[in-house]
């Protein structure tokens, strides 16, 4: 599968997901701090340094158009797949679709 990810020009942590020339939705990245850090150990010994990958982690919150929240993901690819799955789920929910054409 080939997704195209386009960053929003105005919001730095927001990216749009494109698939087969259609914009399926977007996801927002949030950087969060790990709550399981032993801070007294680092305060006691000032020579210790904490690895940024140990201290911080990223969560992605995907949203499929129009405004359908998907499950929280750990990666950008996971967010893109969650958006695509949400669209497949929504299309499967449509049982009967009758297109009525009228002449003007």
PDB file of N, CA and C in Angstrom:
ATOM      1  N   UNK A   1       0.843  -1.177   0.000  1.00  0.00           N
ATOM      2  CA  UNK A   1       0.000   0.000   0.000  1.00  0.00           C
ATOM      3  C   UNK A   1       0.887   1.238   0.000  1.00  0.00           C
ATOM      4  N   UNK A   2       0.437   2.218  -0.722  1.00  0.00           N
ATOM      5  CA  UNK A   2       1.205   3.432  -0.834  1.00  0.00           C
ATOM      6  C   UNK A   2       0.410   4.599  -0.277  1.00  0.00           C
ATOM      7  N   UNK A   3       0.816   5.060   0.885  1.00  0.00           N
ATOM      8  CA  UNK A   3       0.199   6.227   1.495  1.00  0.00           C
ATOM      9  C   UNK A   3       1.071   7.438   1.221  1.00  0.00           C
ATOM     10  N   UNK A   4       0.434   8.569   1.087  1.00  0.00           N
ATOM     11  CA  UNK A   4       1.165   9.824   0.973  1.00  0.00           C
ATOM     12  C   UNK A   4       0.810  10.640   2.210  1.00  0.00           C
ATOM     13  N   UNK A   5       1.818  11.030   2.945  1.00  0.00           N
ATOM     14  CA  UNK A   5       1.616  11.808   4.164  1.00  0.00           C
ATOM     15  C   UNK A   5       2.017  13.255   3.881  1.00  0.00           C
ATOM     16  N   UNK A   6       1.097  14.182   4.120  1.00  0.00           N
ATOM     17  CA  UNK A   6       1.339  15.596   3.871  1.00  0.00           C
ATOM     18  C   UNK A   6       1.153  16.350   5.183  1.00  0.00           C
ATOM     19  N   UNK A   7       2.180  17.053   5.598  1.00  0.00           N
ATOM     20  CA  UNK A   7       2.104  17.818   6.841  1.00  0.00           C
ATOM     21  C   UNK A   7       1.260  19.066   6.650  1.00  0.00           C
ATOM     22  N   UNK A   8       0.504  19.410   7.674  1.00  0.00           N
ATOM     23  CA  UNK A   8      -0.313  20.617   7.657  1.00  0.00           C
ATOM     24  C   UNK A   8       0.608  21.822   7.730  1.00  0.00           C
ATOM     25  N   UNK A   9       0.317  22.848   6.940  1.00  0.00           N
ATOM     26  CA  UNK A   9       1.171  24.035   6.907  1.00  0.00           C
ATOM     27  C   UNK A   9       1.052  24.884   8.165  1.00  0.00           C
ATOM     28  N   UNK A  10      -0.099  24.832   8.819  1.00  0.00           N
ATOM     29  CA  UNK A  10      -0.348  25.709   9.961  1.00  0.00           C
ATOM     30  C   UNK A  10      -0.222  25.019  11.309  1.00  0.00           C
ATOM     31  N   UNK A  11      -0.462  23.730  11.373  1.00  0.00           N
ATOM     32  CA  UNK A  11      -0.390  22.993  12.632  1.00  0.00           C
ATOM     33  C   UNK A  11       0.761  22.003  12.518  1.00  0.00           C
ATOM     34  N   UNK A  12       1.776  22.155  13.354  1.00  0.00           N
ATOM     35  CA  UNK A  12       3.012  21.405  13.177  1.00  0.00           C
ATOM     36  C   UNK A  12       2.876  19.912  13.447  1.00  0.00           C
ATOM     37  N   UNK A  13       1.991  19.494  14.319  1.00  0.00           N
ATOM     38  CA  UNK A  13       1.904  18.074  14.668  1.00  0.00           C
ATOM     39  C   UNK A  13       0.735  17.371  13.976  1.00  0.00           C
ATOM     40  N   UNK A  14       0.212  17.958  12.900  1.00  0.00           N
ATOM     41  CA  UNK A  14      -0.922  17.386  12.172  1.00  0.00           C
ATOM     42  C   UNK A  14      -0.485  17.028  10.755  1.00  0.00           C
ATOM     43  N   UNK A  15      -0.833  15.806  10.322  1.00  0.00           N
ATOM     44  CA  UNK A  15      -0.502  15.353   8.975  1.00  0.00           C
ATOM     45  C   UNK A  15      -1.730  14.703   8.345  1.00  0.00           C
ATOM     46  N   UNK A  16      -1.868  14.907   7.042  1.00  0.00           N
ATOM     47  CA  UNK A  16      -2.982  14.323   6.294  1.00  0.00           C
ATOM     48  C   UNK A  16      -2.530  13.039   5.616  1.00  0.00           C
ATOM     49  N   UNK A  17      -3.441  12.068   5.541  1.00  0.00           N
ATOM     50  CA  UNK A  17      -3.163  10.768   4.931  1.00  0.00           C
ATOM     51  C   UNK A  17      -3.893  10.695   3.597  1.00  0.00           C
ATOM     52  N   UNK A  18      -3.120  10.487   2.523  1.00  0.00           N
ATOM     53  CA  UNK A  18      -3.672  10.341   1.184  1.00  0.00           C
ATOM     54  C   UNK A  18      -3.441   8.911   0.725  1.00  0.00           C
ATOM     55  N   UNK A  19      -4.451   8.343   0.056  1.00  0.00           N
ATOM     56  CA  UNK A  19      -4.359   6.990  -0.475  1.00  0.00           C
ATOM     57  C   UNK A  19      -5.097   6.963  -1.805  1.00  0.00           C
ATOM     58  N   UNK A  20      -4.400   6.585  -2.861  1.00  0.00           N
ATOM     59  CA  UNK A  20      -4.973   6.558  -4.205  1.00  0.00           C
ATOM     60  C   UNK A  20      -5.664   7.872  -4.565  1.00  0.00           C
ATOM     61  N   UNK A  21      -4.974   8.970  -4.406  1.00  0.00           N
ATOM     62  CA  UNK A  21      -5.436  10.324  -4.750  1.00  0.00           C
ATOM     63  C   UNK A  21      -6.667  10.780  -3.978  1.00  0.00           C
ATOM     64  N   UNK A  22      -6.909  10.193  -2.803  1.00  0.00           N
ATOM     65  CA  UNK A  22      -8.014  10.630  -1.950  1.00  0.00           C
ATOM     66  C   UNK A  22      -7.464  10.911  -0.555  1.00  0.00           C
ATOM     67  N   UNK A  23      -7.910  12.005   0.014  1.00  0.00           N
ATOM     68  CA  UNK A  23      -7.534  12.314   1.389  1.00  0.00           C
ATOM     69  C   UNK A  23      -8.496  11.569   2.314  1.00  0.00           C
ATOM     70  N   UNK A  24      -7.951  10.624   3.068  1.00  0.00           N
ATOM     71  CA  UNK A  24      -8.779   9.789   3.929  1.00  0.00           C
ATOM     72  C   UNK A  24      -9.012  10.393   5.304  1.00  0.00           C
ATOM     73  N   UNK A  25      -8.092  11.214   5.752  1.00  0.00           N
ATOM     74  CA  UNK A  25      -8.204  11.790   7.087  1.00  0.00           C
ATOM     75  C   UNK A  25      -6.875  12.391   7.518  1.00  0.00           C
ATOM     76  N   UNK A  26      -6.704  12.506   8.806  1.00  0.00           N
ATOM     77  CA  UNK A  26      -5.470  13.084   9.339  1.00  0.00           C
ATOM     78  C   UNK A  26      -5.149  12.419  10.664  1.00  0.00           C
ATOM     79  N   UNK A  27      -3.941  12.662  11.142  1.00  0.00           N
ATOM     80  CA  UNK A  27      -3.576  12.226  12.480  1.00  0.00           C
ATOM     81  C   UNK A  27      -2.779  13.331  13.158  1.00  0.00           C
ATOM     82  N   UNK A  28      -2.851  13.314  14.463  1.00  0.00           N
ATOM     83  CA  UNK A  28      -2.149  14.300  15.279  1.00  0.00           C
ATOM     84  C   UNK A  28      -1.157  13.557  16.159  1.00  0.00           C
ATOM     85  N   UNK A  29       0.075  14.023  16.169  1.00  0.00           N
ATOM     86  CA  UNK A  29       1.120  13.442  17.005  1.00  0.00           C
ATOM     87  C   UNK A  29       1.160  14.163  18.345  1.00  0.00           C
ATOM     88  N   UNK A  30       1.298  13.404  19.401  1.00  0.00           N
ATOM     89  CA  UNK A  30       1.485  13.990  20.730  1.00  0.00           C
ATOM     90  C   UNK A  30       2.695  13.337  21.372  1.00  0.00           C
ATOM     91  N   UNK A  31       3.585  14.169  21.874  1.00  0.00           N
ATOM     92  CA  UNK A  31       4.768  13.681  22.575  1.00  0.00           C
ATOM     93  C   UNK A  31       4.449  13.697  24.058  1.00  0.00           C
ATOM     94  N   UNK A  32       4.632  12.539  24.694  1.00  0.00           N
ATOM     95  CA  UNK A  32       4.295  12.412  26.110  1.00  0.00           C
ATOM     96  C   UNK A  32       5.492  11.896  26.884  1.00  0.00           C
ATOM     97  N   UNK A  33       5.500  12.214  28.167  1.00  0.00           N
ATOM     98  CA  UNK A  33       6.593  11.785  29.030  1.00  0.00           C
ATOM     99  C   UNK A  33       6.237  10.462  29.705  1.00  0.00           C
ATOM    100  N   UNK A  34       7.213   9.579  29.773  1.00  0.00           N
ATOM    101  CA  UNK A  34       7.043   8.297  30.427  1.00  0.00           C
ATOM    102  C   UNK A  34       6.881   8.510  31.930  1.00  0.00           C
ATOM    103  N   UNK A  35       5.874   7.919  32.508  1.00  0.00           N
ATOM    104  CA  UNK A  35       5.591   8.112  33.930  1.00  0.00           C
ATOM    105  C   UNK A  35       6.369   7.144  34.820  1.00  0.00           C
ATOM    106  N   UNK A  36       7.048   6.158  34.239  1.00  0.00           N
ATOM    107  CA  UNK A  36       7.743   5.135  35.019  1.00  0.00           C
ATOM    108  C   UNK A  36       9.232   5.408  35.166  1.00  0.00           C
ATOM    109  N   UNK A  37       9.620   6.659  35.244  1.00  0.00           N
ATOM    110  CA  UNK A  37      11.036   7.016  35.388  1.00  0.00           C
ATOM    111  C   UNK A  37      11.370   7.163  36.866  1.00  0.00           C
ATOM    112  N   UNK A  38      12.498   6.615  37.253  1.00  0.00           N
ATOM    113  CA  UNK A  38      12.962   6.695  38.634  1.00  0.00           C
ATOM    114  C   UNK A  38      13.714   8.018  38.832  1.00  0.00           C
ATOM    115  N   UNK A  39      12.952   9.103  39.059  1.00  0.00           N
ATOM    116  CA  UNK A  39      13.558  10.428  39.182  1.00  0.00           C
ATOM    117  C   UNK A  39      14.478  10.569  40.397  1.00  0.00           C
ATOM    118  N   UNK A  40      14.185   9.979  41.547  1.00  0.00           N
ATOM    119  CA  UNK A  40      15.125  10.106  42.667  1.00  0.00           C
ATOM    120  C   UNK A  40      16.522   9.570  42.339  1.00  0.00           C
ATOM    121  N   UNK A  41      16.587   8.538  41.519  1.00  0.00           N
ATOM    122  CA  UNK A  41      17.886   7.990  41.111  1.00  0.00           C
ATOM    123  C   UNK A  41      18.667   9.026  40.313  1.00  0.00           C
ATOM    124  N   UNK A  42      18.013   9.741  39.410  1.00  0.00           N
ATOM    125  CA  UNK A  42      18.690  10.747  38.587  1.00  0.00           C
ATOM    126  C   UNK A  42      19.012  12.009  39.378  1.00  0.00           C
ATOM    127  N   UNK A  43      18.188  12.328  40.371  1.00  0.00           N
ATOM    128  CA  UNK A  43      18.480  13.488  41.216  1.00  0.00           C
ATOM    129  C   UNK A  43      19.656  13.216  42.150  1.00  0.00           C
ATOM    130  N   UNK A  44      19.800  11.978  42.590  1.00  0.00           N
ATOM    131  CA  UNK A  44      20.875  11.620  43.508  1.00  0.00           C
ATOM    132  C   UNK A  44      22.232  11.605  42.807  1.00  0.00           C
ATOM    133  N   UNK A  45      22.273  11.133  41.586  1.00  0.00           N
ATOM    134  CA  UNK A  45      23.533  11.044  40.844  1.00  0.00           C
ATOM    135  C   UNK A  45      23.443  11.933  39.619  1.00  0.00           C
ATOM    136  N   UNK A  46      24.076  13.098  39.677  1.00  0.00           N
ATOM    137  CA  UNK A  46      23.982  14.091  38.604  1.00  0.00           C
ATOM    138  C   UNK A  46      24.765  13.687  37.353  1.00  0.00           C
ATOM    139  N   UNK A  47      25.578  12.635  37.440  1.00  0.00           N
ATOM    140  CA  UNK A  47      26.328  12.205  36.264  1.00  0.00           C
ATOM    141  C   UNK A  47      25.485  11.313  35.351  1.00  0.00           C
ATOM    142  N   UNK A  48      24.397  10.778  35.867  1.00  0.00           N
ATOM    143  CA  UNK A  48      23.519   9.933  35.052  1.00  0.00           C
ATOM    144  C   UNK A  48      22.726  10.783  34.068  1.00  0.00           C
ATOM    145  N   UNK A  49      22.586  10.271  32.885  1.00  0.00           N
ATOM    146  CA  UNK A  49      21.783  10.933  31.850  1.00  0.00           C
ATOM    147  C   UNK A  49      20.716   9.958  31.376  1.00  0.00           C
ATOM    148  N   UNK A  50      19.549  10.487  31.132  1.00  0.00           N
ATOM    149  CA  UNK A  50      18.448   9.647  30.658  1.00  0.00           C
ATOM    150  C   UNK A  50      18.356   9.775  29.133  1.00  0.00           C
ATOM    151  N   UNK A  51      18.178   8.653  28.499  1.00  0.00           N
ATOM    152  CA  UNK A  51      18.033   8.612  27.052  1.00  0.00           C
ATOM    153  C   UNK A  51      16.689   9.229  26.667  1.00  0.00           C
ATOM    154  N   UNK A  52      16.644  10.113  25.667  1.00  0.00           N
ATOM    155  CA  UNK A  52      15.366  10.717  25.264  1.00  0.00           C
ATOM    156  C   UNK A  52      14.316   9.689  24.856  1.00  0.00           C
ATOM    157  N   UNK A  53      14.745   8.560  24.267  1.00  0.00           N
ATOM    158  CA  UNK A  53      13.781   7.517  23.887  1.00  0.00           C
ATOM    159  C   UNK A  53      13.179   6.846  25.113  1.00  0.00           C
ATOM    160  N   UNK A  54      13.904   6.867  26.215  1.00  0.00           N
ATOM    161  CA  UNK A  54      13.376   6.302  27.459  1.00  0.00           C
ATOM    162  C   UNK A  54      12.433   7.285  28.154  1.00  0.00           C
ATOM    163  N   UNK A  55      12.715   8.564  28.000  1.00  0.00           N
ATOM    164  CA  UNK A  55      11.907   9.577  28.696  1.00  0.00           C
ATOM    165  C   UNK A  55      10.628   9.937  27.946  1.00  0.00           C
ATOM    166  N   UNK A  56      10.704  10.033  26.628  1.00  0.00           N
ATOM    167  CA  UNK A  56       9.571  10.495  25.828  1.00  0.00           C
ATOM    168  C   UNK A  56       9.065   9.397  24.907  1.00  0.00           C
ATOM    169  N   UNK A  57       7.783   9.425  24.579  1.00  0.00           N
ATOM    170  CA  UNK A  57       7.206   8.537  23.583  1.00  0.00           C
ATOM    171  C   UNK A  57       6.151   9.309  22.804  1.00  0.00           C
ATOM    172  N   UNK A  58       5.843   8.794  21.619  1.00  0.00           N
ATOM    173  CA  UNK A  58       4.912   9.475  20.717  1.00  0.00           C
ATOM    174  C   UNK A  58       3.648   8.645  20.586  1.00  0.00           C
ATOM    175  N   UNK A  59       2.504   9.323  20.648  1.00  0.00           N
ATOM    176  CA  UNK A  59       1.211   8.698  20.384  1.00  0.00           C
ATOM    177  C   UNK A  59       0.581   9.419  19.201  1.00  0.00           C
ATOM    178  N   UNK A  60      -0.071   8.660  18.351  1.00  0.00           N
ATOM    179  CA  UNK A  60      -0.769   9.266  17.222  1.00  0.00           C
ATOM    180  C   UNK A  60      -2.264   9.042  17.389  1.00  0.00           C
ATOM    181  N   UNK A  61      -3.019  10.084  17.101  1.00  0.00           N
ATOM    182  CA  UNK A  61      -4.474  10.038  17.200  1.00  0.00           C
ATOM    183  C   UNK A  61      -5.055  10.240  15.800  1.00  0.00           C
ATOM    184  N   UNK A  62      -5.421   9.149  15.127  1.00  0.00           N
ATOM    185  CA  UNK A  62      -5.953   9.269  13.769  1.00  0.00           C
ATOM    186  C   UNK A  62      -7.442   9.611  13.742  1.00  0.00           C
ATOM    187  N   UNK A  63      -7.816  10.370  12.727  1.00  0.00           N
ATOM    188  CA  UNK A  63      -9.217  10.756  12.510  1.00  0.00           C
ATOM    189  C   UNK A  63      -9.539  10.525  11.039  1.00  0.00           C
ATOM    190  N   UNK A  64     -10.536   9.698  10.776  1.00  0.00           N
ATOM    191  CA  UNK A  64     -10.990   9.456   9.411  1.00  0.00           C
ATOM    192  C   UNK A  64     -12.074  10.477   9.084  1.00  0.00           C
ATOM    193  N   UNK A  65     -12.027  11.001   7.873  1.00  0.00           N
ATOM    194  CA  UNK A  65     -13.056  11.954   7.471  1.00  0.00           C
ATOM    195  C   UNK A  65     -14.391  11.254   7.381  1.00  0.00           C
ATOM    196  N   UNK A  66     -15.503  11.805   7.719  1.00  0.00           N
ATOM    197  CA  UNK A  66     -15.706  13.078   8.398  1.00  0.00           C
ATOM    198  C   UNK A  66     -15.780  12.908   9.914  1.00  0.00           C
ATOM    199  N   UNK A  67     -14.776  13.288  10.614  1.00  0.00           N
ATOM    200  CA  UNK A  67     -14.719  13.350  12.085  1.00  0.00           C
ATOM    201  C   UNK A  67     -14.994  12.024  12.782  1.00  0.00           C
ATOM    202  N   UNK A  68     -14.409  10.949  12.313  1.00  0.00           N
ATOM    203  CA  UNK A  68     -14.549   9.647  12.966  1.00  0.00           C
ATOM    204  C   UNK A  68     -13.227   9.278  13.620  1.00  0.00           C
ATOM    205  N   UNK A  69     -13.218   9.278  14.931  1.00  0.00           N
ATOM    206  CA  UNK A  69     -11.996   8.947  15.662  1.00  0.00           C
ATOM    207  C   UNK A  69     -11.680   7.461  15.486  1.00  0.00           C
ATOM    208  N   UNK A  70     -10.405   7.167  15.335  1.00  0.00           N
ATOM    209  CA  UNK A  70      -9.930   5.792  15.239  1.00  0.00           C
ATOM    210  C   UNK A  70      -9.184   5.462  16.535  1.00  0.00           C
ATOM    211  N   UNK A  71      -8.743   4.220  16.634  1.00  0.00           N
ATOM    212  CA  UNK A  71      -8.007   3.833  17.829  1.00  0.00           C
ATOM    213  C   UNK A  71      -6.633   4.496  17.856  1.00  0.00           C
ATOM    214  N   UNK A  72      -6.148   4.772  19.048  1.00  0.00           N
ATOM    215  CA  UNK A  72      -4.848   5.398  19.243  1.00  0.00           C
ATOM    216  C   UNK A  72      -3.760   4.455  18.749  1.00  0.00           C
ATOM    217  N   UNK A  73      -2.729   5.003  18.095  1.00  0.00           N
ATOM    218  CA  UNK A  73      -1.657   4.191  17.519  1.00  0.00           C
ATOM    219  C   UNK A  73      -0.300   4.661  18.026  1.00  0.00           C
ATOM    220  N   UNK A  74       0.698   3.798  17.816  1.00  0.00           N
ATOM    221  CA  UNK A  74       2.059   4.130  18.234  1.00  0.00           C
ATOM    222  C   UNK A  74       2.907   4.682  17.098  1.00  0.00           C
ATOM    223  N   UNK A  75       2.534   4.409  15.859  1.00  0.00           N
ATOM    224  CA  UNK A  75       3.333   4.844  14.718  1.00  0.00           C
ATOM    225  C   UNK A  75       2.457   5.570  13.702  1.00  0.00           C
ATOM    226  N   UNK A  76       3.117   6.282  12.804  1.00  0.00           N
ATOM    227  CA  UNK A  76       2.400   6.988  11.751  1.00  0.00           C
ATOM    228  C   UNK A  76       1.795   6.006  10.748  1.00  0.00           C
ATOM    229  N   UNK A  77       2.507   4.930  10.456  1.00  0.00           N
ATOM    230  CA  UNK A  77       1.969   3.909   9.544  1.00  0.00           C
ATOM    231  C   UNK A  77       0.742   3.243  10.161  1.00  0.00           C
ATOM    232  N   UNK A  78       0.809   2.988  11.457  1.00  0.00           N
ATOM    233  CA  UNK A  78      -0.347   2.416  12.147  1.00  0.00           C
ATOM    234  C   UNK A  78      -1.550   3.339  12.086  1.00  0.00           C
ATOM    235  N   UNK A  79      -1.297   4.649  12.180  1.00  0.00           N
ATOM    236  CA  UNK A  79      -2.388   5.623  12.085  1.00  0.00           C
ATOM    237  C   UNK A  79      -2.996   5.623  10.685  1.00  0.00           C
ATOM    238  N   UNK A  80      -2.152   5.556   9.662  1.00  0.00           N
ATOM    239  CA  UNK A  80      -2.651   5.535   8.288  1.00  0.00           C
ATOM    240  C   UNK A  80      -3.485   4.273   8.041  1.00  0.00           C
ATOM    241  N   UNK A  81      -3.022   3.131   8.532  1.00  0.00           N
ATOM    242  CA  UNK A  81      -3.779   1.889   8.371  1.00  0.00           C
ATOM    243  C   UNK A  81      -5.093   1.917   9.152  1.00  0.00           C
ATOM    244  N   UNK A  82      -5.091   2.546  10.339  1.00  0.00           N
ATOM    245  CA  UNK A  82      -6.318   2.655  11.128  1.00  0.00           C
ATOM    246  C   UNK A  82      -7.348   3.518  10.410  1.00  0.00           C
ATOM    247  N   UNK A  83      -6.892   4.580   9.760  1.00  0.00           N
ATOM    248  CA  UNK A  83      -7.808   5.441   9.000  1.00  0.00           C
ATOM    249  C   UNK A  83      -8.394   4.673   7.816  1.00  0.00           C
ATOM    250  N   UNK A  84      -7.554   3.923   7.107  1.00  0.00           N
ATOM    251  CA  UNK A  84      -8.040   3.135   5.980  1.00  0.00           C
ATOM    252  C   UNK A  84      -9.028   2.063   6.445  1.00  0.00           C
ATOM    253  N   UNK A  85      -8.723   1.407   7.558  1.00  0.00           N
ATOM    254  CA  UNK A  85      -9.641   0.396   8.100  1.00  0.00           C
ATOM    255  C   UNK A  85     -10.977   1.004   8.502  1.00  0.00           C
ATOM    256  N   UNK A  86     -10.942   2.205   9.052  1.00  0.00           N
ATOM    257  CA  UNK A  86     -12.186   2.885   9.446  1.00  0.00           C
ATOM    258  C   UNK A  86     -13.054   3.163   8.225  1.00  0.00           C
ATOM    259  N   UNK A  87     -12.419   3.581   7.115  1.00  0.00           N
ATOM    260  CA  UNK A  87     -13.181   3.823   5.890  1.00  0.00           C
ATOM    261  C   UNK A  87     -13.765   2.525   5.341  1.00  0.00           C
ATOM    262  N   UNK A  88     -13.006   1.442   5.405  1.00  0.00           N
ATOM    263  CA  UNK A  88     -13.535   0.142   4.954  1.00  0.00           C
ATOM    264  C   UNK A  88     -14.706  -0.285   5.820  1.00  0.00           C
ATOM    265  N   UNK A  89     -14.587  -0.061   7.117  1.00  0.00           N
ATOM    266  CA  UNK A  89     -15.678  -0.398   8.048  1.00  0.00           C
ATOM    267  C   UNK A  89     -16.923   0.422   7.747  1.00  0.00           C
ATOM    268  N   UNK A  90     -16.738   1.725   7.479  1.00  0.00           N
ATOM    269  CA  UNK A  90     -17.886   2.576   7.168  1.00  0.00           C
ATOM    270  C   UNK A  90     -18.536   2.176   5.846  1.00  0.00           C
ATOM    271  N   UNK A  91     -17.720   1.777   4.865  1.00  0.00           N
ATOM    272  CA  UNK A  91     -18.306   1.379   3.585  1.00  0.00           C
ATOM    273  C   UNK A  91     -19.035   0.042   3.700  1.00  0.00           C
ATOM    274  N   UNK A  92     -18.592  -0.828   4.595  1.00  0.00           N
ATOM    275  CA  UNK A  92     -19.289  -2.101   4.807  1.00  0.00           C
ATOM    276  C   UNK A  92     -20.617  -1.908   5.533  1.00  0.00           C
ATOM    277  N   UNK A  93     -20.723  -0.811   6.294  1.00  0.00           N
ATOM    278  CA  UNK A  93     -21.958  -0.538   7.020  1.00  0.00           C
ATOM    279  C   UNK A  93     -23.089  -0.052   6.113  1.00  0.00           C
ATOM    280  N   UNK A  94     -22.736   0.401   4.932  1.00  0.00           N
ATOM    281  CA  UNK A  94     -23.749   0.875   3.991  1.00  0.00           C
ATOM    282  C   UNK A  94     -24.358  -0.345   3.313  1.00  0.00           C
ATOM    283  N   UNK A  95     -25.600  -0.653   3.651  1.00  0.00           N
ATOM    284  CA  UNK A  95     -26.247  -1.840   3.091  1.00  0.00           C
ATOM    285  C   UNK A  95     -26.879  -1.542   1.740  1.00  0.00           C
ATOM    286  N   UNK A  96     -27.720  -0.570   1.707  1.00  0.00           N
ATOM    287  CA  UNK A  96     -28.416  -0.238   0.474  1.00  0.00           C
ATOM    288  C   UNK A  96     -28.121   1.208   0.132  1.00  0.00           C
ATOM    289  N   UNK A  97     -27.634   1.402  -1.068  1.00  0.00           N
ATOM    290  CA  UNK A  97     -27.365   2.740  -1.540  1.00  0.00           C
ATOM    291  C   UNK A  97     -27.980   2.868  -2.921  1.00  0.00           C
ATOM    292  N   UNK A  98     -28.999   3.682  -3.015  1.00  0.00           N
ATOM    293  CA  UNK A  98     -29.671   3.895  -4.286  1.00  0.00           C
ATOM    294  C   UNK A  98     -29.380   5.308  -4.758  1.00  0.00           C
ATOM    295  N   UNK A  99     -28.796   5.389  -5.919  1.00  0.00           N
ATOM    296  CA  UNK A  99     -28.502   6.674  -6.498  1.00  0.00           C
ATOM    297  C   UNK A  99     -29.680   7.090  -7.370  1.00  0.00           C
ATOM    298  N   UNK A 100     -30.237   8.234  -7.052  1.00  0.00           N
ATOM    299  CA  UNK A 100     -31.392   8.733  -7.794  1.00  0.00           C
ATOM    300  C   UNK A 100     -30.905   9.884  -8.665  1.00  0.00           C
ATOM    301  N   UNK A 101     -31.055   9.718  -9.949  1.00  0.00           N
ATOM    302  CA  UNK A 101     -30.644  10.766 -10.892  1.00  0.00           C
ATOM    303  C   UNK A 101     -31.886  11.517 -11.347  1.00  0.00           C
ATOM    304  N   UNK A 102     -31.780  12.792 -11.327  1.00  0.00           N
ATOM    305  CA  UNK A 102     -32.893  13.633 -11.811  1.00  0.00           C
ATOM    306  C   UNK A 102     -32.373  14.487 -12.958  1.00  0.00           C
ATOM    307  N   UNK A 103     -33.242  14.783 -13.851  1.00  0.00           N
ATOM    308  CA  UNK A 103     -32.869  15.656 -14.957  1.00  0.00           C
ATOM    309  C   UNK A 103     -33.282  17.073 -14.630  1.00  0.00           C
ATOM    310  N   UNK A 104     -32.395  17.988 -14.937  1.00  0.00           N
ATOM    311  CA  UNK A 104     -32.671  19.388 -14.645  1.00  0.00           C
ATOM    312  C   UNK A 104     -33.380  20.052 -15.782  1.00  0.00           C
TER     313      UNK A 104
END
